[in-house]
Amino acid sequence: MRAFWTVLGAAILIVLVYLFLAGVASYFGGHWAPDDAVPNSWAPPSTWSNWRDVVIVFTGLFWLLAGLLLVVLLVVLVFLAFTVRHLLRENVAPAVDSLKDSLDNLRGTTEFAGETVVSPIIRVYSVVSGVRSGVSAIGHLPDRIRGRKKGKK
């Protein structure tokens, strides 16, 4: 289907270019048809007012071309916007959902690791710290009984 539209667009473009060039050639005395079916009724401009008219006509043609290109550009931009919207809806949203599921899985794994690996290590360290504090308190008990404070002699 895309090839059909490409060929059709190329054919239309070729016809428009041919008509434009034939119009310019016929204005300056040439023939746009291969035979003499069209009489030679135009002459090249000979005065400034004739040149002014030619410039006005070409300016109008360029404005027409610019308007057509603007319409084509707007159509392409709308098509692009709908394509991006479709891609976001069909491809990106499921990928984001999959990423969210992966992050939830990772969060669960880290919680499990924290509960099974880190939690026992923290308990052992807290018991060791408690025993150390208890031994330190018992070791400094004679200093407290005599009235000395820790660090003073």
C-alpha atoms as a PDB file:
ATOM      1  CA  MET A   1       0.000   0.000   0.000  1.00  0.00           C
ATOM      2  CA  ARG A   2       2.877   2.332   0.799  1.00  0.00           C
ATOM      3  CA  ALA A   3       4.420   1.727  -2.631  1.00  0.00           C
ATOM      4  CA  PHE A   4       1.112   2.665  -4.276  1.00  0.00           C
ATOM      5  CA  TRP A   5       0.997   6.015  -2.476  1.00  0.00           C
ATOM      6  CA  THR A   6       4.656   6.645  -3.297  1.00  0.00           C
ATOM      7  CA  VAL A   7       4.101   6.002  -7.004  1.00  0.00           C
ATOM      8  CA  LEU A   8       0.911   8.095  -7.015  1.00  0.00           C
ATOM      9  CA  GLY A   9       2.663  10.990  -5.252  1.00  0.00           C
ATOM     10  CA  ALA A  10       5.601  10.819  -7.664  1.00  0.00           C
ATOM     11  CA  ALA A  11       3.243  10.829 -10.671  1.00  0.00           C
ATOM     12  CA  ILE A  12       1.362  13.854  -9.339  1.00  0.00           C
ATOM     13  CA  LEU A  13       4.632  15.656  -8.649  1.00  0.00           C
ATOM     14  CA  ILE A  14       5.922  14.926 -12.160  1.00  0.00           C
ATOM     15  CA  VAL A  15       2.695  16.227 -13.729  1.00  0.00           C
ATOM     16  CA  LEU A  16       2.785  19.408 -11.623  1.00  0.00           C
ATOM     17  CA  VAL A  17       6.426  20.079 -12.465  1.00  0.00           C
ATOM     18  CA  TYR A  18       5.711  19.466 -16.161  1.00  0.00           C
ATOM     19  CA  LEU A  19       2.743  21.861 -16.097  1.00  0.00           C
ATOM     20  CA  PHE A  20       4.775  24.517 -14.296  1.00  0.00           C
ATOM     21  CA  LEU A  21       7.672  24.273 -16.728  1.00  0.00           C
ATOM     22  CA  ALA A  22       5.299  24.170 -19.710  1.00  0.00           C
ATOM     23  CA  GLY A  23       3.571  27.313 -18.441  1.00  0.00           C
ATOM     24  CA  VAL A  24       6.888  29.134 -18.075  1.00  0.00           C
ATOM     25  CA  ALA A  25       8.063  27.938 -21.490  1.00  0.00           C
ATOM     26  CA  SER A  26       4.789  28.884 -23.185  1.00  0.00           C
ATOM     27  CA  TYR A  27       4.879  32.327 -21.604  1.00  0.00           C
ATOM     28  CA  PHE A  28       8.236  32.974 -23.195  1.00  0.00           C
ATOM     29  CA  GLY A  29       7.134  31.724 -26.595  1.00  0.00           C
ATOM     30  CA  GLY A  30       7.640  27.992 -26.301  1.00  0.00           C
ATOM     31  CA  HIS A  31       5.049  25.296 -26.741  1.00  0.00           C
ATOM     32  CA  TRP A  32       3.928  23.003 -23.957  1.00  0.00           C
ATOM     33  CA  ALA A  33       2.438  20.521 -26.357  1.00  0.00           C
ATOM     34  CA  PRO A  34       4.709  18.635 -28.749  1.00  0.00           C
ATOM     35  CA  ASP A  35       2.715  19.781 -31.782  1.00  0.00           C
ATOM     36  CA  ASP A  36       1.460  23.221 -32.784  1.00  0.00           C
ATOM     37  CA  ALA A  37      -2.035  22.661 -31.333  1.00  0.00           C
ATOM     38  CA  VAL A  38      -1.632  25.706 -29.075  1.00  0.00           C
ATOM     39  CA  PRO A  39      -1.216  29.023 -30.876  1.00  0.00           C
ATOM     40  CA  ASN A  40       1.671  31.265 -29.908  1.00  0.00           C
ATOM     41  CA  SER A  41      -0.369  34.020 -28.262  1.00  0.00           C
ATOM     42  CA  TRP A  42       2.086  35.189 -25.621  1.00  0.00           C
ATOM     43  CA  ALA A  43       5.179  37.261 -26.067  1.00  0.00           C
ATOM     44  CA  PRO A  44       8.021  37.755 -23.596  1.00  0.00           C
ATOM     45  CA  PRO A  45       7.668  40.855 -21.424  1.00  0.00           C
ATOM     46  CA  SER A  46       9.065  43.969 -22.995  1.00  0.00           C
ATOM     47  CA  THR A  47       8.276  46.656 -20.392  1.00  0.00           C
ATOM     48  CA  TRP A  48       8.674  47.018 -16.651  1.00  0.00           C
ATOM     49  CA  SER A  49       4.941  46.778 -16.093  1.00  0.00           C
ATOM     50  CA  ASN A  50       4.908  43.434 -17.908  1.00  0.00           C
ATOM     51  CA  TRP A  51       7.805  42.209 -15.748  1.00  0.00           C
ATOM     52  CA  ARG A  52       5.936  43.429 -12.673  1.00  0.00           C
ATOM     53  CA  ASP A  53       2.936  41.326 -13.704  1.00  0.00           C
ATOM     54  CA  VAL A  54       5.164  38.293 -14.200  1.00  0.00           C
ATOM     55  CA  VAL A  55       6.697  38.775 -10.746  1.00  0.00           C
ATOM     56  CA  ILE A  56       3.212  39.120  -9.209  1.00  0.00           C
ATOM     57  CA  VAL A  57       2.099  35.878 -10.868  1.00  0.00           C
ATOM     58  CA  PHE A  58       5.190  34.004  -9.727  1.00  0.00           C
ATOM     59  CA  THR A  59       4.827  35.416  -6.214  1.00  0.00           C
ATOM     60  CA  GLY A  60       1.248  34.149  -6.144  1.00  0.00           C
ATOM     61  CA  LEU A  61       2.409  30.739  -7.338  1.00  0.00           C
ATOM     62  CA  PHE A  62       5.069  30.608  -4.634  1.00  0.00           C
ATOM     63  CA  TRP A  63       2.486  31.586  -1.986  1.00  0.00           C
ATOM     64  CA  LEU A  64       0.220  28.838  -3.293  1.00  0.00           C
ATOM     65  CA  LEU A  65       3.085  26.361  -3.094  1.00  0.00           C
ATOM     66  CA  ALA A  66       3.933  27.551   0.433  1.00  0.00           C
ATOM     67  CA  GLY A  67       0.304  27.093   1.483  1.00  0.00           C
ATOM     68  CA  LEU A  68       0.217  23.587   0.064  1.00  0.00           C
ATOM     69  CA  LEU A  69       3.470  22.725   1.821  1.00  0.00           C
ATOM     70  CA  LEU A  70       2.056  24.124   5.063  1.00  0.00           C
ATOM     71  CA  VAL A  71      -1.027  21.931   4.752  1.00  0.00           C
ATOM     72  CA  VAL A  72       1.139  18.883   3.987  1.00  0.00           C
ATOM     73  CA  LEU A  73       3.364  19.702   6.955  1.00  0.00           C
ATOM     74  CA  LEU A  74       0.366  20.000   9.267  1.00  0.00           C
ATOM     75  CA  VAL A  75      -1.002  16.672   8.035  1.00  0.00           C
ATOM     76  CA  VAL A  76       2.380  15.030   8.597  1.00  0.00           C
ATOM     77  CA  LEU A  77       2.623  16.520  12.108  1.00  0.00           C
ATOM     78  CA  VAL A  78      -0.862  15.282  12.998  1.00  0.00           C
ATOM     79  CA  PHE A  79       0.028  11.837  11.636  1.00  0.00           C
ATOM     80  CA  LEU A  80       3.256  11.898  13.656  1.00  0.00           C
ATOM     81  CA  ALA A  81       1.383  12.883  16.817  1.00  0.00           C
ATOM     82  CA  PHE A  82      -1.080  10.023  16.372  1.00  0.00           C
ATOM     83  CA  THR A  83       1.773   7.607  15.663  1.00  0.00           C
ATOM     84  CA  VAL A  84       3.649   8.668  18.798  1.00  0.00           C
ATOM     85  CA  ARG A  85       0.434   8.402  20.812  1.00  0.00           C
ATOM     86  CA  HIS A  86      -0.141   4.904  19.446  1.00  0.00           C
ATOM     87  CA  LEU A  87       3.446   3.886  20.243  1.00  0.00           C
ATOM     88  CA  LEU A  88       3.154   5.229  23.772  1.00  0.00           C
ATOM     89  CA  ARG A  89      -0.109   3.434  24.333  1.00  0.00           C
ATOM     90  CA  GLU A  90       0.840   0.109  22.725  1.00  0.00           C
ATOM     91  CA  ASN A  91       4.573  -0.248  23.456  1.00  0.00           C
ATOM     92  CA  VAL A  92       5.727   2.077  26.207  1.00  0.00           C
ATOM     93  CA  ALA A  93       2.876   1.528  28.665  1.00  0.00           C
ATOM     94  CA  PRO A  94       3.381  -2.271  28.804  1.00  0.00           C
ATOM     95  CA  ALA A  95       7.146  -1.745  29.113  1.00  0.00           C
ATOM     96  CA  VAL A  96       6.612   0.632  32.047  1.00  0.00           C
ATOM     97  CA  ASP A  97       4.253  -1.880  33.673  1.00  0.00           C
ATOM     98  CA  SER A  98       6.846  -4.618  33.196  1.00  0.00           C
ATOM     99  CA  LEU A  99       9.519  -2.377  34.698  1.00  0.00           C
ATOM    100  CA  LYS A 100       7.245  -1.660  37.669  1.00  0.00           C
ATOM    101  CA  ASP A 101       6.715  -5.390  38.193  1.00  0.00           C
ATOM    102  CA  SER A 102      10.486  -5.951  38.027  1.00  0.00           C
ATOM    103  CA  LEU A 103      11.075  -3.203  40.598  1.00  0.00           C
ATOM    104  CA  ASP A 104       8.421  -4.695  42.894  1.00  0.00           C
ATOM    105  CA  ASN A 105      10.129  -8.078  42.546  1.00  0.00           C
ATOM    106  CA  LEU A 106      13.492  -6.487  43.366  1.00  0.00           C
ATOM    107  CA  ARG A 107      11.979  -4.734  46.382  1.00  0.00           C
ATOM    108  CA  GLY A 108      10.609  -8.057  47.632  1.00  0.00           C
ATOM    109  CA  THR A 109      13.981  -9.727  47.124  1.00  0.00           C
ATOM    110  CA  THR A 110      15.792  -7.021  49.107  1.00  0.00           C
ATOM    111  CA  GLU A 111      13.239  -7.248  51.929  1.00  0.00           C
ATOM    112  CA  PHE A 112      13.679 -11.016  52.022  1.00  0.00           C
ATOM    113  CA  ALA A 113      17.472 -10.647  52.058  1.00  0.00           C
ATOM    114  CA  GLY A 114      17.196  -8.057  54.810  1.00  0.00           C
ATOM    115  CA  GLU A 115      15.051 -10.293  56.943  1.00  0.00           C
ATOM    116  CA  THR A 116      17.009 -13.511  56.427  1.00  0.00           C
ATOM    117  CA  VAL A 117      20.611 -12.293  56.216  1.00  0.00           C
ATOM    118  CA  VAL A 118      20.961  -8.864  57.767  1.00  0.00           C
ATOM    119  CA  SER A 119      18.511  -9.262  60.643  1.00  0.00           C
ATOM    120  CA  PRO A 120      20.416 -12.180  62.301  1.00  0.00           C
ATOM    121  CA  ILE A 121      23.706 -10.290  61.928  1.00  0.00           C
ATOM    122  CA  ILE A 122      22.154  -7.269  63.635  1.00  0.00           C
ATOM    123  CA  ARG A 123      20.847  -9.466  66.457  1.00  0.00           C
ATOM    124  CA  VAL A 124      24.265 -11.067  66.995  1.00  0.00           C
ATOM    125  CA  TYR A 125      25.961  -7.659  66.948  1.00  0.00           C
ATOM    126  CA  SER A 126      23.453  -6.259  69.441  1.00  0.00           C
ATOM    127  CA  VAL A 127      24.024  -9.243  71.783  1.00  0.00           C
ATOM    128  CA  VAL A 128      27.812  -8.779  71.518  1.00  0.00           C
ATOM    129  CA  SER A 129      27.444  -5.057  72.154  1.00  0.00           C
ATOM    130  CA  GLY A 130      25.240  -5.748  75.167  1.00  0.00           C
ATOM    131  CA  VAL A 131      27.696  -8.268  76.584  1.00  0.00           C
ATOM    132  CA  ARG A 132      30.555  -5.797  76.012  1.00  0.00           C
ATOM    133  CA  SER A 133      28.630  -3.044  77.797  1.00  0.00           C
ATOM    134  CA  GLY A 134      27.812  -5.420  80.645  1.00  0.00           C
ATOM    135  CA  VAL A 135      31.425  -6.514  81.026  1.00  0.00           C
ATOM    136  CA  SER A 136      32.562  -2.896  80.925  1.00  0.00           C
ATOM    137  CA  ALA A 137      30.036  -1.943  83.593  1.00  0.00           C
ATOM    138  CA  ILE A 138      31.124  -4.803  85.858  1.00  0.00           C
ATOM    139  CA  GLY A 139      34.802  -3.996  85.216  1.00  0.00           C
ATOM    140  CA  HIS A 140      34.370  -0.364  86.319  1.00  0.00           C
ATOM    141  CA  LEU A 141      32.253  -1.270  89.330  1.00  0.00           C
ATOM    142  CA  PRO A 142      35.128  -0.929  91.880  1.00  0.00           C
ATOM    143  CA  ASP A 143      35.889   2.589  90.563  1.00  0.00           C
ATOM    144  CA  ARG A 144      32.288   3.622  91.089  1.00  0.00           C
ATOM    145  CA  ILE A 145      32.180   2.213  94.557  1.00  0.00           C
ATOM    146  CA  ARG A 146      35.270   4.236  95.610  1.00  0.00           C
ATOM    147  CA  GLY A 147      33.779   7.392  94.143  1.00  0.00           C
ATOM    148  CA  ARG A 148      36.040   7.812  91.176  1.00  0.00           C
ATOM    149  CA  LYS A 149      34.567   8.715  87.914  1.00  0.00           C
ATOM    150  CA  LYS A 150      35.646   7.252  84.675  1.00  0.00           C
ATOM    151  CA  GLY A 151      38.683   9.035  83.263  1.00  0.00           C
ATOM    152  CA  LYS A 152      39.641  10.841  86.566  1.00  0.00           C
ATOM    153  CA  LYS A 153      42.292   9.687  88.990  1.00  0.00           C
END
